[in-house]
N, C-alpha and C. Protein backbone atom coordinates (compact mmCIF):
# COMPACT_ATOMS: atom_id res chain seq x y z
N MET A 1 0.58 8.57 -0.41
CA MET A 1 -0.10 9.54 -1.40
C MET A 1 -1.06 10.19 -0.42
N HIS A 2 -1.57 11.30 -0.74
CA HIS A 2 -2.56 12.00 0.15
C HIS A 2 -3.95 11.95 -0.03
N CYS A 3 -4.69 11.62 0.99
CA CYS A 3 -6.15 11.53 0.98
C CYS A 3 -6.84 12.61 0.22
N SER A 4 -6.19 13.83 0.43
CA SER A 4 -6.95 15.04 -0.13
C SER A 4 -7.07 14.94 -1.63
N ILE A 5 -6.15 14.35 -2.41
CA ILE A 5 -6.10 14.32 -3.72
C ILE A 5 -7.54 13.66 -4.22
N PHE A 6 -7.73 12.67 -3.58
CA PHE A 6 -9.17 11.89 -3.91
C PHE A 6 -10.20 12.45 -3.34
N LEU A 7 -10.35 12.82 -2.21
CA LEU A 7 -11.51 13.32 -1.60
C LEU A 7 -11.96 14.75 -1.99
N LEU A 8 -10.87 15.69 -1.64
CA LEU A 8 -11.07 17.18 -2.02
C LEU A 8 -11.03 17.55 -3.52
N LEU A 9 -10.25 16.83 -4.13
CA LEU A 9 -10.12 17.28 -5.46
C LEU A 9 -11.08 16.53 -6.37
N ARG A 10 -11.61 15.42 -5.80
CA ARG A 10 -12.52 14.38 -6.35
C ARG A 10 -11.64 13.72 -7.72
N ILE A 11 -10.55 13.42 -7.45
CA ILE A 11 -9.86 12.66 -8.66
C ILE A 11 -10.04 11.25 -8.45
N SER A 12 -10.45 10.64 -9.54
CA SER A 12 -10.69 9.21 -9.43
C SER A 12 -9.43 8.40 -9.55
N GLU A 13 -9.17 7.31 -8.84
CA GLU A 13 -7.91 6.67 -8.76
C GLU A 13 -7.69 6.08 -10.24
N ARG A 14 -8.85 5.91 -10.97
CA ARG A 14 -8.61 5.28 -12.37
C ARG A 14 -7.92 6.20 -13.25
N ARG A 15 -7.86 7.29 -12.99
CA ARG A 15 -7.33 8.48 -13.99
C ARG A 15 -5.81 8.54 -13.66
N ILE A 16 -5.25 8.08 -12.58
CA ILE A 16 -3.87 8.37 -12.17
C ILE A 16 -3.03 7.21 -12.64
N LYS A 17 -2.07 7.50 -13.45
CA LYS A 17 -0.94 6.40 -13.76
C LYS A 17 0.32 6.73 -13.04
N LEU A 18 0.91 5.63 -12.64
CA LEU A 18 2.12 5.77 -11.82
C LEU A 18 3.36 5.37 -12.69
N ILE A 19 4.28 6.18 -13.04
CA ILE A 19 5.24 5.89 -13.89
C ILE A 19 6.59 5.73 -12.96
N LEU A 20 7.11 4.47 -12.99
CA LEU A 20 8.30 4.19 -12.08
C LEU A 20 9.49 3.99 -13.01
N GLY A 21 10.51 4.50 -12.44
CA GLY A 21 11.97 4.35 -13.24
C GLY A 21 12.26 5.27 -14.42
N ASP A 22 11.41 6.23 -14.44
CA ASP A 22 11.43 7.26 -15.47
C ASP A 22 12.28 8.30 -14.93
N HIS A 23 13.42 8.56 -15.67
CA HIS A 23 14.36 9.82 -15.37
C HIS A 23 14.30 10.94 -16.23
N ASP A 24 13.62 10.80 -17.53
CA ASP A 24 13.67 11.78 -18.44
C ASP A 24 12.40 11.66 -19.18
N ARG A 25 11.35 12.37 -18.80
CA ARG A 25 9.86 12.37 -19.39
C ARG A 25 9.85 12.48 -20.83
N ARG A 26 10.82 12.92 -21.48
CA ARG A 26 10.71 13.03 -23.00
C ARG A 26 11.03 11.81 -23.59
N HIS A 27 11.60 10.67 -22.99
CA HIS A 27 11.89 9.48 -23.73
C HIS A 27 11.43 8.29 -22.70
N THR A 28 11.02 7.18 -23.35
CA THR A 28 10.63 5.88 -22.86
C THR A 28 11.90 5.29 -22.44
N GLU A 29 12.27 4.89 -21.12
CA GLU A 29 13.46 4.28 -20.90
C GLU A 29 13.09 2.69 -20.52
N PRO A 30 14.11 1.87 -20.63
CA PRO A 30 14.05 0.47 -20.47
C PRO A 30 13.52 0.05 -18.96
N THR A 31 13.98 1.02 -18.05
CA THR A 31 13.60 0.85 -16.78
C THR A 31 12.25 1.22 -16.32
N GLN A 32 11.54 1.75 -17.08
CA GLN A 32 10.26 2.44 -16.91
C GLN A 32 9.13 1.52 -16.88
N GLU A 33 8.36 1.64 -15.81
CA GLU A 33 7.09 0.83 -15.68
C GLU A 33 5.91 1.70 -15.63
N THR A 34 4.69 1.41 -16.25
CA THR A 34 3.55 2.42 -15.99
C THR A 34 2.55 1.36 -15.15
N LEU A 35 2.08 1.79 -14.04
CA LEU A 35 1.07 1.11 -13.26
C LEU A 35 -0.10 1.96 -12.95
N THR A 36 -1.32 1.32 -12.60
CA THR A 36 -2.43 1.95 -12.17
C THR A 36 -2.87 1.62 -10.90
N ILE A 37 -3.69 2.32 -10.35
CA ILE A 37 -4.24 2.05 -9.00
C ILE A 37 -5.46 1.07 -8.88
N GLU A 38 -5.33 0.18 -8.08
CA GLU A 38 -6.54 -0.92 -7.90
C GLU A 38 -7.33 -0.40 -6.77
N THR A 39 -6.94 0.04 -5.64
CA THR A 39 -7.65 0.49 -4.61
C THR A 39 -6.88 1.46 -3.72
N VAL A 40 -7.63 2.40 -3.21
CA VAL A 40 -7.25 3.39 -2.31
C VAL A 40 -7.67 3.20 -0.92
N PHE A 41 -6.77 3.10 0.07
CA PHE A 41 -7.12 3.19 1.29
C PHE A 41 -7.03 4.34 2.24
N ILE A 42 -8.10 5.03 2.47
CA ILE A 42 -7.86 6.24 3.06
C ILE A 42 -8.04 6.10 4.77
N ARG A 43 -7.19 6.65 5.58
CA ARG A 43 -7.38 6.63 7.01
C ARG A 43 -8.74 7.01 7.41
N PRO A 44 -9.32 6.28 8.24
CA PRO A 44 -10.68 6.71 8.87
C PRO A 44 -10.56 7.93 9.62
N ASP A 45 -9.42 8.33 10.07
CA ASP A 45 -9.26 9.42 11.02
C ASP A 45 -8.75 10.78 10.24
N PHE A 46 -8.80 10.68 8.90
CA PHE A 46 -8.44 11.76 8.05
C PHE A 46 -9.45 12.93 8.38
N VAL A 47 -9.07 14.29 8.53
CA VAL A 47 -9.79 15.32 8.83
C VAL A 47 -9.90 16.30 7.67
N LYS A 48 -10.88 16.36 6.85
CA LYS A 48 -10.81 17.37 5.63
C LYS A 48 -10.50 18.74 6.28
N LYS A 49 -11.15 19.14 7.24
CA LYS A 49 -11.05 20.61 7.60
C LYS A 49 -9.67 21.02 7.94
N THR A 50 -8.96 20.16 8.63
CA THR A 50 -7.54 20.50 9.15
C THR A 50 -6.32 19.69 8.31
N PHE A 51 -6.70 18.65 7.60
CA PHE A 51 -5.96 17.89 6.73
C PHE A 51 -5.05 17.00 7.61
N ASN A 52 -5.47 16.91 8.95
CA ASN A 52 -4.79 15.93 9.95
C ASN A 52 -5.03 14.45 9.37
N ASN A 53 -3.84 13.81 9.53
CA ASN A 53 -3.84 12.44 9.30
C ASN A 53 -4.06 12.17 7.56
N ASP A 54 -3.50 13.18 6.67
CA ASP A 54 -3.82 13.23 5.46
C ASP A 54 -2.61 12.21 4.77
N LEU A 55 -3.08 10.95 4.91
CA LEU A 55 -2.19 9.71 4.23
C LEU A 55 -3.08 8.72 3.67
N ALA A 56 -2.85 8.27 2.63
CA ALA A 56 -3.63 7.13 2.13
C ALA A 56 -2.58 6.07 1.57
N LEU A 57 -3.07 4.75 1.60
CA LEU A 57 -2.23 3.67 1.06
C LEU A 57 -2.93 3.29 -0.26
N ILE A 58 -2.07 3.00 -1.16
CA ILE A 58 -2.64 2.40 -2.55
C ILE A 58 -2.11 1.16 -2.88
N LYS A 59 -3.06 0.36 -3.39
CA LYS A 59 -2.70 -1.00 -3.88
C LYS A 59 -2.66 -0.86 -5.38
N LEU A 60 -1.37 -1.25 -5.88
CA LEU A 60 -1.31 -1.09 -7.50
C LEU A 60 -1.91 -2.30 -8.13
N ASN A 61 -2.21 -2.14 -9.42
CA ASN A 61 -2.80 -3.21 -10.27
C ASN A 61 -1.92 -4.37 -10.27
N ARG A 62 -0.79 -4.24 -10.14
CA ARG A 62 0.11 -5.37 -10.32
C ARG A 62 1.45 -5.23 -9.50
N GLU A 63 2.33 -6.18 -9.12
CA GLU A 63 3.48 -6.19 -8.44
C GLU A 63 4.42 -5.31 -9.37
N VAL A 64 5.19 -4.62 -8.71
CA VAL A 64 6.40 -3.68 -9.20
C VAL A 64 7.48 -4.53 -9.61
N GLY A 65 7.96 -4.40 -10.91
CA GLY A 65 9.05 -5.23 -11.35
C GLY A 65 10.41 -4.83 -10.76
N ARG A 66 11.41 -5.65 -10.44
CA ARG A 66 12.76 -5.14 -9.99
C ARG A 66 13.72 -5.25 -11.22
N ARG A 67 14.16 -4.02 -11.52
CA ARG A 67 15.12 -3.92 -12.64
C ARG A 67 16.26 -3.25 -12.32
N ILE A 68 17.35 -3.64 -12.64
CA ILE A 68 18.59 -2.99 -12.41
C ILE A 68 19.01 -2.09 -13.48
N SER A 69 19.28 -0.90 -13.05
CA SER A 69 19.61 0.10 -14.03
C SER A 69 21.17 0.54 -14.10
């Protein structure tokens, strides 16, 4: 994920939902999982002005399930 979405756009990680395993947004699928972000780790060397090192690591609220589709 990019640092800029959190820092520059001021989007709270609590507002972002990650939907995994969804191939058709019009329908809920059996392989689909919805997760939220617990913590965002932004690189300490991220430079807002140049976007250098624009990379963040996210910790999800729970482990991702492994489903066979």
